[in-house]
Amino acid sequence: MVQETLTRRAPASPIKKIAQRLEVRMLLLALLIAVCLSLLSPYFLTKSNIFNLLDQSVVIGIVAVGMTFVILTGGIDLSVGSVAGLTGIILGLSLQHVPIVPAIAIAVVAGGFIGLISGTLITVFGLAPFVVTLGVMAIGRSLAYIFSGQTAISNIPMGMQDIVYTNVLGIPSNVLFLIVLYLAAWAYLTYTKGGRTIYAVGSNKEAARAAGLNTTFYSILPYVLSGAFAAVAITFSISQLLSADPLMGNGMELDAIAAVVIGGASLFGGRGSMFGTLIGVLIMVMIRNGLNLMGVSPFWQGTAIGTIIILALLVERLVSSRVSR
């Protein structure tokens, strides 16, 4: 009995500790998917396709940063897709009257303001995040149609393409922005009091409040960031297409939530990381890219992606329960 007790209390080995980290297992899953896709398609690991993967990761990756902050607090933001569409229209209209930089600033501030409204309703008035952001989603999509006159805005200045197609040390500027954004978000969550407070709010909000932490501010802040990052993400889309459409961002919220959850974040809050979210984004993008290379019909891709996501999470849950023993 004593021997059994000592065995149970023995500290886990370094290898087991590493294996217990969800992000590590998701990284292994991403590598496995990459190997499988490279065997199924000879074009997957080409240089051009790798850059294509990185380019496709930018928009959803930026939105997923804001969604990570929200989910870490135990919330959810279903409005990011419609906020992206609305702020894209605001950007397109602003570009008709002001230079590029002020126009982008207007769109980002608008996105942050919408997030502020959502965060305030949820935190101060105690409304359910699901209901509030669902309502904002409907309002945002409606206003996008109204502001645009039910048509796309196509006379976007050519200078907007510099945001995407400028290279820095051989790295496209949009990809470099994504890397810097994830590093900054990781550093904030890891090394600052604000980051630790966000984790504390998601783990136990009442305990965090009792400890003297500003739970109100750090419960609202993630929604502000989510709205602002949705505007930043759609800016890159508009820069590539030179067009702002009210339908932009449709379904973006589901991709962002899936990427964050695949990356190991808990929908109950308090658990997750930027590294995990980035892996989740790459897994989502690789699957879509691989299906396109294999000629899978777009009508079947949703079914394939959804099935893979559910199976990945199911396997992860089973593996997690065994590793933690």
Protein backbone atom coordinates (compact mmCIF):
# COMPACT_ATOMS: atom_id res chain seq x y z
CA MET A 1 0.00 0.00 0.00
CA VAL A 2 2.83 2.39 0.90
CA GLN A 3 4.67 1.49 -2.29
CA GLU A 4 1.50 2.09 -4.29
CA THR A 5 1.02 5.50 -2.67
CA LEU A 6 4.61 6.52 -3.40
CA THR A 7 4.21 5.39 -7.00
CA ARG A 8 1.11 7.50 -7.42
CA ARG A 9 2.82 10.56 -5.98
CA ALA A 10 5.99 10.19 -8.00
CA PRO A 11 6.58 13.26 -10.16
CA ALA A 12 5.93 12.89 -13.86
CA SER A 13 8.93 12.53 -16.14
CA PRO A 14 9.89 15.48 -18.40
CA ILE A 15 8.75 13.53 -21.47
CA LYS A 16 5.37 12.85 -19.90
CA LYS A 17 5.01 16.51 -18.93
CA ILE A 18 5.67 17.51 -22.52
CA ALA A 19 3.22 14.89 -23.78
CA GLN A 20 0.57 16.25 -21.42
CA ARG A 21 0.66 19.62 -23.14
CA LEU A 22 -2.23 19.76 -25.58
CA GLU A 23 -0.39 22.14 -27.90
CA VAL A 24 2.39 19.57 -28.40
CA ARG A 25 -0.08 16.87 -29.36
CA MET A 26 -1.88 19.24 -31.72
CA LEU A 27 1.49 20.11 -33.31
CA LEU A 28 2.09 16.40 -33.89
CA LEU A 29 -1.39 16.17 -35.43
CA ALA A 30 -0.58 19.12 -37.73
CA LEU A 31 2.64 17.41 -38.82
CA LEU A 32 0.76 14.17 -39.43
CA ILE A 33 -1.81 15.99 -41.58
CA ALA A 34 0.98 17.69 -43.53
CA VAL A 35 2.68 14.33 -44.19
CA CYS A 36 -0.58 12.71 -45.30
CA LEU A 37 -1.46 15.58 -47.62
CA SER A 38 2.03 15.61 -49.12
CA LEU A 39 1.61 11.91 -49.94
CA LEU A 40 -1.83 12.48 -51.44
CA SER A 41 -0.79 15.49 -53.51
CA PRO A 42 2.67 16.18 -54.96
CA TYR A 43 1.89 19.89 -55.01
CA PHE A 44 1.28 20.27 -51.28
CA LEU A 45 4.90 20.78 -50.15
CA THR A 46 5.94 22.99 -53.05
CA LYS A 47 7.33 26.41 -52.21
CA SER A 48 4.47 28.22 -53.91
CA ASN A 49 1.85 26.23 -52.03
CA ILE A 50 3.58 26.77 -48.68
CA PHE A 51 3.45 30.53 -49.26
CA ASN A 52 -0.16 30.07 -50.32
CA LEU A 53 -0.88 28.30 -47.02
CA LEU A 54 0.69 31.12 -45.06
CA ASP A 55 -1.27 33.70 -47.05
CA GLN A 56 -4.53 31.83 -46.43
CA SER A 57 -3.76 31.72 -42.71
CA VAL A 58 -3.58 35.50 -42.29
CA VAL A 59 -7.25 36.52 -42.21
CA ILE A 60 -8.59 33.67 -40.09
CA GLY A 61 -5.41 33.79 -37.98
CA ILE A 62 -5.94 37.44 -37.05
CA VAL A 63 -9.59 36.85 -36.15
CA ALA A 64 -8.58 33.80 -34.08
CA VAL A 65 -6.32 35.99 -31.92
CA GLY A 66 -9.27 38.05 -30.76
CA MET A 67 -11.41 34.94 -30.37
CA THR A 68 -8.73 33.37 -28.15
CA PHE A 69 -8.90 36.32 -25.76
CA VAL A 70 -12.69 36.03 -25.61
CA ILE A 71 -12.74 32.25 -25.09
CA LEU A 72 -10.06 32.47 -22.39
CA THR A 73 -12.53 34.51 -20.32
CA GLY A 74 -15.23 31.89 -20.83
CA GLY A 75 -17.08 33.96 -23.44
CA ILE A 76 -17.89 33.53 -27.11
CA ASP A 77 -18.11 35.98 -30.00
CA LEU A 78 -20.41 34.95 -32.83
CA SER A 79 -20.37 38.43 -34.34
CA VAL A 80 -16.82 38.59 -35.74
CA GLY A 81 -17.89 37.60 -39.26
CA SER A 82 -20.56 40.29 -39.54
CA VAL A 83 -18.32 42.82 -37.78
CA ALA A 84 -15.67 42.07 -40.41
CA GLY A 85 -18.23 42.59 -43.18
CA LEU A 86 -19.54 45.83 -41.66
CA THR A 87 -16.11 47.32 -40.95
CA GLY A 88 -15.03 46.30 -44.45
CA ILE A 89 -17.86 48.41 -45.86
CA ILE A 90 -16.92 51.25 -43.49
CA LEU A 91 -13.34 50.99 -44.77
CA GLY A 92 -14.50 50.98 -48.39
CA LEU A 93 -16.66 54.08 -47.85
CA SER A 94 -13.95 55.86 -45.87
CA LEU A 95 -11.43 55.30 -48.66
CA GLN A 96 -13.61 57.42 -50.92
CA HIS A 97 -13.00 60.45 -48.73
CA VAL A 98 -9.79 60.06 -46.70
CA PRO A 99 -6.31 58.55 -47.26
CA ILE A 100 -5.58 54.88 -46.64
CA VAL A 101 -4.15 55.04 -43.10
CA PRO A 102 -6.95 57.18 -41.58
CA ALA A 103 -9.54 55.01 -43.37
CA ILE A 104 -8.08 51.85 -41.84
CA ALA A 105 -7.99 53.55 -38.42
CA ILE A 106 -11.69 54.44 -38.74
CA ALA A 107 -12.58 50.82 -39.56
CA VAL A 108 -10.52 49.41 -36.69
CA VAL A 109 -11.98 51.88 -34.20
CA ALA A 110 -15.47 51.00 -35.44
CA GLY A 111 -14.75 47.30 -34.90
CA GLY A 112 -13.41 47.97 -31.42
CA PHE A 113 -16.45 50.11 -30.59
CA ILE A 114 -18.82 47.32 -31.61
CA GLY A 115 -16.84 44.96 -29.39
CA LEU A 116 -17.07 47.49 -26.57
CA ILE A 117 -20.86 47.47 -26.84
CA SER A 118 -20.97 43.67 -26.78
CA GLY A 119 -18.53 43.43 -23.88
CA THR A 120 -20.43 46.01 -21.84
CA LEU A 121 -23.77 44.29 -22.34
CA ILE A 122 -22.25 40.96 -21.33
CA THR A 123 -20.12 42.13 -18.40
CA VAL A 124 -22.02 45.04 -16.89
CA PHE A 125 -25.59 43.94 -17.59
CA GLY A 126 -24.95 40.22 -17.23
CA LEU A 127 -26.39 39.16 -20.58
CA ALA A 128 -25.37 35.83 -22.12
CA PRO A 129 -22.43 36.14 -24.56
CA PHE A 130 -24.08 33.77 -27.02
CA VAL A 131 -27.28 35.85 -27.17
CA VAL A 132 -25.57 39.25 -27.30
CA THR A 133 -23.07 38.39 -30.02
CA LEU A 134 -25.77 36.56 -32.00
CA GLY A 135 -27.82 39.74 -31.94
CA VAL A 136 -24.82 41.86 -32.91
CA MET A 137 -24.13 39.41 -35.74
CA ALA A 138 -27.59 40.02 -37.20
CA ILE A 139 -27.34 43.80 -36.74
CA GLY A 140 -23.87 43.97 -38.26
CA ARG A 141 -24.81 42.03 -41.38
CA SER A 142 -27.94 44.15 -41.82
CA LEU A 143 -26.02 47.42 -41.49
CA ALA A 144 -23.39 46.18 -43.96
CA TYR A 145 -26.13 45.79 -46.58
CA ILE A 146 -27.66 49.16 -45.72
CA PHE A 147 -24.40 51.12 -45.76
CA SER A 148 -23.22 49.52 -49.00
CA GLY A 149 -26.52 49.93 -50.83
CA GLN A 150 -26.63 46.13 -51.29
CA THR A 151 -23.65 46.18 -53.61
CA ALA A 152 -19.89 45.75 -53.46
CA ILE A 153 -17.59 48.77 -53.28
CA SER A 154 -15.01 48.22 -55.99
CA ASN A 155 -13.23 51.55 -56.45
CA ILE A 156 -10.58 50.79 -53.81
CA PRO A 157 -7.24 52.63 -54.25
CA MET A 158 -4.47 50.50 -55.76
CA GLY A 159 -2.20 51.58 -52.93
CA MET A 160 -4.06 49.19 -50.63
CA GLN A 161 -2.26 46.27 -52.29
CA ASP A 162 1.02 47.43 -50.76
CA ILE A 163 -0.31 46.21 -47.41
CA VAL A 164 -0.27 42.63 -48.70
CA TYR A 165 2.22 42.44 -51.54
CA THR A 166 5.18 44.22 -49.95
CA ASN A 167 7.97 41.83 -48.93
CA VAL A 168 10.16 42.29 -45.87
CA LEU A 169 13.28 40.11 -45.91
CA GLY A 170 11.52 37.88 -48.40
CA ILE A 171 8.44 37.47 -46.17
CA PRO A 172 5.10 38.90 -47.38
CA SER A 173 4.05 41.79 -45.16
CA ASN A 174 0.71 40.22 -44.25
CA VAL A 175 2.41 37.01 -43.07
CA LEU A 176 4.98 39.02 -41.13
CA PHE A 177 2.17 40.98 -39.49
CA LEU A 178 0.51 37.72 -38.43
CA ILE A 179 3.75 36.43 -36.88
CA VAL A 180 4.37 39.67 -34.98
CA LEU A 181 0.74 39.77 -33.80
CA TYR A 182 0.93 36.25 -32.37
CA LEU A 183 4.24 36.96 -30.65
CA ALA A 184 2.83 40.15 -29.11
CA ALA A 185 -0.38 38.41 -27.98
CA TRP A 186 1.63 35.50 -26.54
CA ALA A 187 3.91 37.88 -24.64
CA TYR A 188 0.93 39.82 -23.28
CA LEU A 189 -0.87 36.72 -22.03
CA THR A 190 2.29 35.17 -20.61
CA TYR A 191 4.19 38.03 -19.01
CA THR A 192 1.75 40.81 -18.11
CA LYS A 193 -0.68 41.29 -15.25
CA GLY A 194 -3.46 41.85 -17.79
CA GLY A 195 -2.80 38.51 -19.44
CA ARG A 196 -2.79 36.68 -16.11
CA THR A 197 -6.01 38.46 -15.18
CA ILE A 198 -7.71 37.25 -18.37
CA TYR A 199 -6.80 33.67 -17.46
CA ALA A 200 -8.01 34.27 -13.91
CA VAL A 201 -11.35 35.64 -15.13
CA GLY A 202 -11.88 32.52 -17.20
CA SER A 203 -10.84 30.15 -14.43
CA ASN A 204 -12.82 31.69 -11.57
CA LYS A 205 -14.19 35.19 -11.99
CA GLU A 206 -15.40 35.52 -8.41
CA ALA A 207 -12.04 34.46 -7.02
CA ALA A 208 -10.29 36.92 -9.33
CA ARG A 209 -12.59 39.71 -8.14
CA ALA A 210 -11.98 38.77 -4.51
CA ALA A 211 -8.23 38.97 -5.18
CA GLY A 212 -8.67 42.61 -6.19
CA LEU A 213 -8.27 42.15 -9.93
CA ASN A 214 -10.15 44.44 -12.31
CA THR A 215 -12.43 41.76 -13.69
CA THR A 216 -14.82 44.22 -15.36
CA PHE A 217 -12.16 45.81 -17.56
CA TYR A 218 -10.53 42.52 -18.49
CA SER A 219 -13.89 40.94 -19.28
CA ILE A 220 -14.74 43.73 -21.72
CA LEU A 221 -11.28 44.10 -23.27
CA PRO A 222 -11.34 40.75 -25.14
CA TYR A 223 -14.52 41.74 -27.01
CA VAL A 224 -12.97 45.09 -27.96
CA LEU A 225 -9.90 43.27 -29.28
CA SER A 226 -12.08 40.74 -31.10
CA GLY A 227 -13.97 43.48 -32.94
CA ALA A 228 -10.82 45.43 -33.73
CA PHE A 229 -8.96 42.36 -35.04
CA ALA A 230 -11.97 41.46 -37.21
CA ALA A 231 -11.58 44.88 -38.85
CA VAL A 232 -7.82 44.38 -39.27
CA ALA A 233 -8.39 40.96 -40.84
CA ILE A 234 -10.90 42.21 -43.38
CA THR A 235 -8.51 45.02 -44.28
CA PHE A 236 -6.09 42.42 -45.62
CA SER A 237 -8.87 40.76 -47.62
CA ILE A 238 -9.91 44.05 -49.17
CA SER A 239 -6.27 44.84 -49.96
CA GLN A 240 -6.02 41.64 -51.99
CA LEU A 241 -9.38 41.85 -53.75
CA LEU A 242 -9.60 45.66 -54.05
CA SER A 243 -13.28 45.25 -53.28
CA ALA A 244 -15.46 45.48 -50.18
CA ASP A 245 -18.53 43.27 -50.20
CA PRO A 246 -21.26 43.18 -47.50
CA LEU A 247 -21.05 39.38 -47.56
CA MET A 248 -17.39 39.42 -46.53
CA GLY A 249 -16.65 37.49 -43.35
CA ASN A 250 -19.60 35.15 -43.74
CA GLY A 251 -18.91 32.05 -41.60
CA MET A 252 -15.66 33.50 -40.26
CA GLU A 253 -16.78 33.14 -36.66
CA LEU A 254 -17.13 29.37 -36.98
CA ASP A 255 -13.65 28.97 -38.48
CA ALA A 256 -12.15 31.14 -35.73
CA ILE A 257 -13.90 29.25 -32.92
CA ALA A 258 -12.91 25.90 -34.45
CA ALA A 259 -9.27 26.96 -34.76
CA VAL A 260 -9.12 28.13 -31.14
CA VAL A 261 -10.77 24.96 -29.81
CA ILE A 262 -8.61 22.68 -31.97
CA GLY A 263 -5.63 24.54 -30.55
CA GLY A 264 -6.55 23.40 -27.04
CA ALA A 265 -8.61 26.25 -25.58
CA SER A 266 -11.50 25.35 -23.32
CA LEU A 267 -14.90 26.85 -24.13
CA PHE A 268 -15.39 27.14 -20.35
CA GLY A 269 -12.46 29.56 -20.14
CA GLY A 270 -9.14 29.66 -18.33
CA ARG A 271 -7.24 27.32 -20.67
CA GLY A 272 -5.62 27.98 -24.02
CA SER A 273 -2.61 29.60 -25.65
CA MET A 274 -1.64 31.60 -28.70
CA PHE A 275 0.70 28.84 -29.83
CA GLY A 276 -2.18 26.38 -29.73
CA THR A 277 -4.45 28.76 -31.64
CA LEU A 278 -1.83 29.21 -34.35
CA ILE A 279 -1.57 25.43 -34.72
CA GLY A 280 -5.36 25.23 -34.94
CA VAL A 281 -5.38 27.85 -37.70
CA LEU A 282 -2.71 25.96 -39.65
CA ILE A 283 -4.63 22.68 -39.30
CA MET A 284 -7.81 24.32 -40.63
CA VAL A 285 -5.99 25.94 -43.56
CA MET A 286 -4.01 22.79 -44.43
CA ILE A 287 -7.15 20.68 -44.57
CA ARG A 288 -8.92 23.14 -46.88
CA ASN A 289 -5.85 23.58 -49.05
CA GLY A 290 -5.27 19.84 -49.32
CA LEU A 291 -8.89 19.17 -50.27
CA ASN A 292 -8.64 21.81 -53.01
CA LEU A 293 -5.44 20.26 -54.35
CA MET A 294 -7.10 16.85 -54.45
CA GLY A 295 -10.05 18.26 -56.36
CA VAL A 296 -12.65 17.61 -53.66
CA SER A 297 -15.90 19.42 -54.45
CA PRO A 298 -16.46 22.58 -52.35
CA PHE A 299 -19.88 21.16 -51.45
CA TRP A 300 -18.18 18.21 -49.72
CA GLN A 301 -15.38 20.18 -48.09
CA GLY A 302 -17.54 21.39 -45.22
CA THR A 303 -18.51 17.81 -44.40
CA ALA A 304 -14.90 16.63 -44.62
CA ILE A 305 -13.55 19.47 -42.47
CA GLY A 306 -16.28 19.09 -39.86
CA THR A 307 -15.71 15.34 -39.64
CA ILE A 308 -11.95 15.75 -39.29
CA ILE A 309 -12.38 18.39 -36.57
CA ILE A 310 -14.77 16.22 -34.55
CA LEU A 311 -12.54 13.14 -34.91
CA ALA A 312 -9.45 15.14 -33.95
CA LEU A 313 -11.12 16.45 -30.80
CA LEU A 314 -12.49 13.00 -29.94
CA VAL A 315 -9.09 11.36 -30.31
CA GLU A 316 -7.51 14.19 -28.32
CA ARG A 317 -10.01 13.72 -25.49
CA LEU A 318 -9.28 9.98 -25.37
CA VAL A 319 -5.52 10.53 -25.49
CA SER A 320 -5.70 13.26 -22.84
CA SER A 321 -7.52 11.00 -20.42
CA ARG A 322 -4.88 8.29 -20.84
CA VAL A 323 -1.85 10.61 -20.65
CA SER A 324 -3.12 12.30 -17.49
CA ARG A 325 -3.37 8.97 -15.63
